[in-house]
Each structure stands twice: as C-alpha cells, then as structure tokens.
Amino acid sequence: MVASQANWPNWWRWELDCSNPHLLKRMQDRSFNETELREMLERATSFRPDSQVGRWAVETTHSGRAWEIIVEPDTAAQLVIVVTAYAIG
C-alpha cells in the first residue's frame, strides 16, 4: 500500500491481504474488485479506530461516493488484512 499521508501509522505501508472470504463476498455483492479497492486506499483521506479493537476504519471515495474500508493490521506478519469495504451515507 502506498502512503501519501505522511503522519499515518507504519502499518499503512505494509502489503495488503485481500484474501478474506468475507471481503471477497462483499466485493462481489458491492460490485468492486481488488484493483478498485487498492485505488480507494490510495485516495484515503483519514482513518480512525474501528469499534472492534485492533481494527481501523479508513475513509475514502469510490464512484463519487463516500466509502469506508475496515482493515486489521497483523503486526506479526506485517500485513494489512482488509476486512470489508462499504459505501456510507
């Protein structure tokens, strides 16, 4: 993942893991693919802790709409696991 955001955490630069079965199902349901997901992360504007400890909500856009991508950094593997992504609003 490329970070244009200078003050983002170190895990922001780690490789993505997009193999989560839940994510793959949501990608199909919500009509986006891994390339579009990576592009959304490139456009990310902010992040905050998610309601589930250890996860983060990343704010971005896709097709002119606001989206959130939920990620979970795996410190041991130095991977960012993408949990899900969805349009908001």
C-alpha atoms as a PDB file:
ATOM      1  CA  MET A   1       0.000   0.000   0.000  1.00  0.00           C
ATOM      2  CA  VAL A   2       1.429   3.392  -0.919  1.00  0.00           C
ATOM      3  CA  ALA A   3       1.055   6.113   1.661  1.00  0.00           C
ATOM      4  CA  SER A   4       0.763   9.677   0.525  1.00  0.00           C
ATOM      5  CA  GLN A   5      -0.211  10.553   4.069  1.00  0.00           C
ATOM      6  CA  ALA A   6       2.933  11.484   5.995  1.00  0.00           C
ATOM      7  CA  ASN A   7       1.515  11.101   9.510  1.00  0.00           C
ATOM      8  CA  TRP A   8      -0.170   7.737   9.063  1.00  0.00           C
ATOM      9  CA  PRO A   9       0.976   4.709  11.073  1.00  0.00           C
ATOM     10  CA  ASN A  10       3.826   2.461   9.924  1.00  0.00           C
ATOM     11  CA  TRP A  11       1.427  -0.359   9.063  1.00  0.00           C
ATOM     12  CA  TRP A  12      -0.030   1.834   6.315  1.00  0.00           C
ATOM     13  CA  ARG A  13       2.994   0.913   4.170  1.00  0.00           C
ATOM     14  CA  TRP A  14       2.639  -2.857   4.655  1.00  0.00           C
ATOM     15  CA  GLU A  15       1.366  -5.232   1.971  1.00  0.00           C
ATOM     16  CA  LEU A  16      -2.365  -5.835   1.704  1.00  0.00           C
ATOM     17  CA  ASP A  17      -4.061  -9.171   2.311  1.00  0.00           C
ATOM     18  CA  CYS A  18      -7.297  -9.226   0.312  1.00  0.00           C
ATOM     19  CA  SER A  19      -7.964 -12.969   0.652  1.00  0.00           C
ATOM     20  CA  ASN A  20     -10.503 -12.794   3.482  1.00  0.00           C
ATOM     21  CA  PRO A  21     -13.611 -14.794   2.357  1.00  0.00           C
ATOM     22  CA  HIS A  22     -15.892 -12.156   3.886  1.00  0.00           C
ATOM     23  CA  LEU A  23     -14.184  -9.437   1.840  1.00  0.00           C
ATOM     24  CA  LEU A  24     -14.340 -11.483  -1.364  1.00  0.00           C
ATOM     25  CA  LYS A  25     -18.097 -11.928  -0.899  1.00  0.00           C
ATOM     26  CA  ARG A  26     -18.594  -8.212  -0.204  1.00  0.00           C
ATOM     27  CA  MET A  27     -16.551  -7.302  -3.275  1.00  0.00           C
ATOM     28  CA  GLN A  28     -18.942  -9.354  -5.367  1.00  0.00           C
ATOM     29  CA  ASP A  29     -22.068  -8.039  -3.578  1.00  0.00           C
ATOM     30  CA  ARG A  30     -20.948  -4.401  -3.803  1.00  0.00           C
ATOM     31  CA  SER A  31     -19.518  -4.548  -7.332  1.00  0.00           C
ATOM     32  CA  PHE A  32     -15.879  -3.618  -6.793  1.00  0.00           C
ATOM     33  CA  ASN A  33     -12.660  -5.512  -7.383  1.00  0.00           C
ATOM     34  CA  GLU A  34      -9.215  -5.659  -5.818  1.00  0.00           C
ATOM     35  CA  THR A  35      -7.798  -3.056  -8.192  1.00  0.00           C
ATOM     36  CA  GLU A  36     -10.571  -0.627  -7.270  1.00  0.00           C
ATOM     37  CA  LEU A  37     -10.035  -1.424  -3.583  1.00  0.00           C
ATOM     38  CA  ARG A  38      -6.347  -0.566  -3.885  1.00  0.00           C
ATOM     39  CA  GLU A  39      -7.244   2.656  -5.708  1.00  0.00           C
ATOM     40  CA  MET A  40      -9.666   3.545  -2.898  1.00  0.00           C
ATOM     41  CA  LEU A  41      -6.867   3.080  -0.379  1.00  0.00           C
ATOM     42  CA  GLU A  42      -4.615   5.323  -2.465  1.00  0.00           C
ATOM     43  CA  ARG A  43      -7.282   8.052  -2.170  1.00  0.00           C
ATOM     44  CA  ALA A  44      -7.811   7.565   1.557  1.00  0.00           C
ATOM     45  CA  THR A  45      -8.332  10.835   3.389  1.00  0.00           C
ATOM     46  CA  SER A  46      -8.416   9.756   7.029  1.00  0.00           C
ATOM     47  CA  PHE A  47      -8.584   6.834   9.412  1.00  0.00           C
ATOM     48  CA  ARG A  48      -9.857   6.195  12.911  1.00  0.00           C
ATOM     49  CA  PRO A  49     -10.070   3.285  15.318  1.00  0.00           C
ATOM     50  CA  ASP A  50     -12.984   0.996  14.473  1.00  0.00           C
ATOM     51  CA  SER A  51     -15.492  -0.157  17.092  1.00  0.00           C
ATOM     52  CA  GLN A  52     -13.702  -3.528  17.158  1.00  0.00           C
ATOM     53  CA  VAL A  53     -10.342  -3.269  18.929  1.00  0.00           C
ATOM     54  CA  GLY A  54      -7.380  -3.706  16.590  1.00  0.00           C
ATOM     55  CA  ARG A  55      -9.285  -2.637  13.504  1.00  0.00           C
ATOM     56  CA  TRP A  56      -9.302   0.698  11.707  1.00  0.00           C
ATOM     57  CA  ALA A  57     -11.878   2.457   9.536  1.00  0.00           C
ATOM     58  CA  VAL A  58     -10.289   4.151   6.530  1.00  0.00           C
ATOM     59  CA  GLU A  59     -12.324   6.874   4.814  1.00  0.00           C
ATOM     60  CA  THR A  60     -12.155   7.162   1.040  1.00  0.00           C
ATOM     61  CA  THR A  61     -14.269   7.552  -2.086  1.00  0.00           C
ATOM     62  CA  HIS A  62     -15.367   5.275  -4.919  1.00  0.00           C
ATOM     63  CA  SER A  63     -17.539   6.149  -7.924  1.00  0.00           C
ATOM     64  CA  GLY A  64     -18.274   9.583  -6.481  1.00  0.00           C
ATOM     65  CA  ARG A  65     -19.493   8.245  -3.123  1.00  0.00           C
ATOM     66  CA  ALA A  66     -18.011   8.118   0.367  1.00  0.00           C
ATOM     67  CA  TRP A  67     -16.761   4.680   1.433  1.00  0.00           C
ATOM     68  CA  GLU A  68     -15.161   3.098   4.485  1.00  0.00           C
ATOM     69  CA  ILE A  69     -12.684   0.275   4.368  1.00  0.00           C
ATOM     70  CA  ILE A  70     -12.155  -1.727   7.551  1.00  0.00           C
ATOM     71  CA  VAL A  71      -8.607  -3.002   7.970  1.00  0.00           C
ATOM     72  CA  GLU A  72      -6.807  -5.007  10.628  1.00  0.00           C
ATOM     73  CA  PRO A  73      -3.016  -4.698  10.783  1.00  0.00           C
ATOM     74  CA  ASP A  74      -1.285  -8.018  11.525  1.00  0.00           C
ATOM     75  CA  THR A  75       1.889  -6.985  13.310  1.00  0.00           C
ATOM     76  CA  ALA A  76       3.475 -10.450  13.333  1.00  0.00           C
ATOM     77  CA  ALA A  77       3.090 -10.886   9.566  1.00  0.00           C
ATOM     78  CA  GLN A  78       3.387  -7.168   8.768  1.00  0.00           C
ATOM     79  CA  LEU A  79       0.265  -7.351   6.616  1.00  0.00           C
ATOM     80  CA  VAL A  80      -2.827  -5.195   6.487  1.00  0.00           C
ATOM     81  CA  ILE A  81      -5.827  -7.505   6.322  1.00  0.00           C
ATOM     82  CA  VAL A  82      -8.761  -5.913   4.555  1.00  0.00           C
ATOM     83  CA  VAL A  83     -11.897  -6.998   6.408  1.00  0.00           C
ATOM     84  CA  THR A  84     -14.621  -5.257   4.406  1.00  0.00           C
ATOM     85  CA  ALA A  85     -15.499  -2.124   2.450  1.00  0.00           C
ATOM     86  CA  TYR A  86     -18.830  -0.359   2.050  1.00  0.00           C
ATOM     87  CA  ALA A  87     -20.432   2.845   0.831  1.00  0.00           C
ATOM     88  CA  ILE A  88     -21.563   5.232   3.568  1.00  0.00           C
ATOM     89  CA  GLY A  89     -24.279   7.823   3.567  1.00  0.00           C
END
